[in-house]
Amino acid sequence: QGQLVESGGGTVQPGDSLRLSCVASVRTSRSDVMGWFRRAPGKEREFVATIHWRLGTTFYADSVKGRFTISRDNAKNTVNLQMNSLKPEDTAVYYCAAGRWNYYTAYDRRNYDYWGQGTQVTVSS
């Protein structure tokens, strides 16, 4: 079975930063892409960012562009999400996912076959 393990969530104040990490098992690291999604209270899960393991190509949701940066460490099978200038509306459970590359629908969660358990991020003053 594929396995993804997230870490790095927590409670911070608006304007602060957090760094999320996701370690992939060998199987899930063979997927084309690794992405981050989030689900805020009362809302559906939404796309945040994704990165191609080999190409390094990235995509971001408009709501996080310029504030969040996704990166990968192929040697460690790890993907990171650096979140800066956090806002209360970034409060959500963040999920790591592994899946198939699709340039036109990289945001679509149906492209992702493996999911982590999620890590809570709370932004509050």
Protein backbone atom coordinates (compact mmCIF):
# COMPACT_ATOMS: atom_id res chain seq x y z
CA GLN A 1 0.00 0.00 0.00
CA GLY A 2 1.11 3.52 -0.68
CA GLN A 3 1.72 5.69 2.32
CA LEU A 4 2.05 9.41 2.83
CA VAL A 5 2.86 10.95 6.19
CA GLU A 6 2.43 14.67 6.78
CA SER A 7 3.98 16.77 9.51
CA GLY A 8 4.47 20.42 10.43
CA GLY A 9 0.96 21.66 11.16
CA GLY A 10 0.16 23.89 14.10
CA THR A 11 -1.39 27.11 15.33
CA VAL A 12 0.10 30.44 14.28
CA GLN A 13 -0.87 34.08 14.08
CA PRO A 14 -1.75 35.95 10.88
CA GLY A 15 1.38 36.87 8.98
CA ASP A 16 3.39 33.98 10.39
CA SER A 17 4.94 31.09 8.47
CA LEU A 18 4.71 27.32 8.62
CA ARG A 19 6.42 24.53 6.73
CA LEU A 20 4.58 21.30 6.01
CA SER A 21 6.39 18.14 5.00
CA CYS A 22 5.19 14.91 3.44
CA VAL A 23 7.25 11.74 3.29
CA ALA A 24 6.23 9.26 0.61
CA SER A 25 6.74 5.53 0.69
CA VAL A 26 8.61 3.97 -2.22
CA ARG A 27 5.39 3.08 -3.99
CA THR A 28 3.81 6.52 -3.79
CA SER A 29 7.07 8.19 -4.71
CA ARG A 30 6.77 6.44 -8.06
CA SER A 31 3.74 8.59 -8.80
CA ASP A 32 4.23 11.46 -11.25
CA VAL A 33 3.23 14.27 -8.96
CA MET A 34 2.85 15.20 -5.33
CA GLY A 35 0.29 17.74 -4.28
CA TRP A 36 -1.24 19.50 -1.33
CA PHE A 37 -4.96 19.98 -0.81
CA ARG A 38 -6.84 21.46 2.11
CA ARG A 39 -10.30 21.34 3.65
CA ALA A 40 -11.58 24.20 5.71
CA PRO A 41 -14.48 23.74 8.13
CA GLY A 42 -17.74 23.48 6.23
CA LYS A 43 -16.04 23.49 2.84
CA GLU A 44 -14.99 20.93 0.28
CA ARG A 45 -11.41 19.82 -0.17
CA GLU A 46 -9.60 22.22 -2.48
CA PHE A 47 -6.36 22.21 -4.43
CA VAL A 48 -3.40 24.14 -3.02
CA ALA A 49 -0.27 23.22 -4.99
CA THR A 50 1.39 20.39 -6.88
CA ILE A 51 4.85 19.50 -8.15
CA HIS A 52 6.12 17.00 -10.70
CA TRP A 53 8.66 14.67 -9.13
CA ARG A 54 11.03 14.61 -12.11
CA LEU A 55 10.38 17.87 -13.97
CA GLY A 56 9.91 20.09 -10.94
CA THR A 57 6.99 21.81 -12.67
CA THR A 58 4.66 23.46 -10.17
CA PHE A 59 1.09 24.69 -10.10
CA TYR A 60 -0.59 26.79 -7.41
CA ALA A 61 -4.09 27.83 -6.53
CA ASP A 62 -4.62 31.55 -7.08
CA SER A 63 -5.38 32.00 -3.40
CA VAL A 64 -1.85 30.96 -2.37
CA LYS A 65 0.30 32.22 -5.27
CA GLY A 66 3.15 34.37 -4.04
CA ARG A 67 2.75 33.14 -0.46
CA PHE A 68 3.19 29.36 -0.64
CA THR A 69 6.06 27.44 -2.22
CA ILE A 70 6.05 23.71 -2.95
CA SER A 71 9.37 21.88 -3.29
CA ARG A 72 10.62 18.32 -3.40
CA ASP A 73 13.63 16.34 -2.28
CA ASN A 74 13.78 13.30 -4.52
CA ALA A 75 16.53 11.61 -2.51
CA LYS A 76 14.37 11.71 0.62
CA ASN A 77 11.01 11.11 -1.12
CA THR A 78 9.81 14.27 0.58
CA VAL A 79 7.65 17.17 -0.56
CA ASN A 80 7.47 20.41 1.41
CA LEU A 81 5.01 23.26 1.46
CA GLN A 82 6.43 26.53 2.74
CA MET A 83 3.56 28.79 3.78
CA ASN A 84 4.30 32.46 4.38
CA SER A 85 2.08 35.42 5.20
CA LEU A 86 -0.58 33.10 6.55
CA LYS A 87 -4.14 34.35 6.78
CA PRO A 88 -7.08 33.17 8.88
CA GLU A 89 -8.69 31.84 5.69
CA ASP A 90 -5.75 29.43 5.33
CA THR A 91 -7.06 27.57 8.36
CA ALA A 92 -7.77 24.00 7.26
CA VAL A 93 -6.67 20.42 7.41
CA TYR A 94 -3.90 20.03 4.85
CA TYR A 95 -3.54 16.77 2.95
CA CYS A 96 -0.62 15.45 0.97
CA ALA A 97 -1.47 13.44 -2.16
CA ALA A 98 0.35 11.47 -4.85
CA GLY A 99 -0.96 10.93 -8.33
CA ARG A 100 -0.77 11.16 -12.11
CA TRP A 101 0.46 14.10 -14.15
CA ASN A 102 -2.06 16.07 -16.15
CA TYR A 103 -0.89 19.49 -17.27
CA TYR A 104 -4.41 20.81 -17.82
CA THR A 105 -6.06 19.44 -14.69
CA ALA A 106 -3.26 19.30 -12.15
CA TYR A 107 -5.72 20.79 -9.64
CA ASP A 108 -8.24 17.95 -9.98
CA ARG A 109 -8.20 15.62 -6.99
CA ARG A 110 -9.36 12.75 -9.22
CA ASN A 111 -5.80 12.60 -10.57
CA TYR A 112 -4.51 11.66 -7.11
CA ASP A 113 -4.50 8.05 -6.00
CA TYR A 114 -2.88 8.19 -2.55
CA TRP A 115 -3.70 10.49 0.34
CA GLY A 116 -2.20 11.23 3.72
CA GLN A 117 -4.17 11.52 6.96
CA GLY A 118 -3.93 15.30 7.08
CA THR A 119 -2.37 17.86 9.39
CA GLN A 120 -4.21 20.76 11.00
CA VAL A 121 -3.15 24.34 10.29
CA THR A 122 -4.85 27.06 12.32
CA VAL A 123 -4.23 30.76 11.73
CA SER A 124 -5.72 32.88 14.47
CA SER A 125 -4.94 35.96 16.49
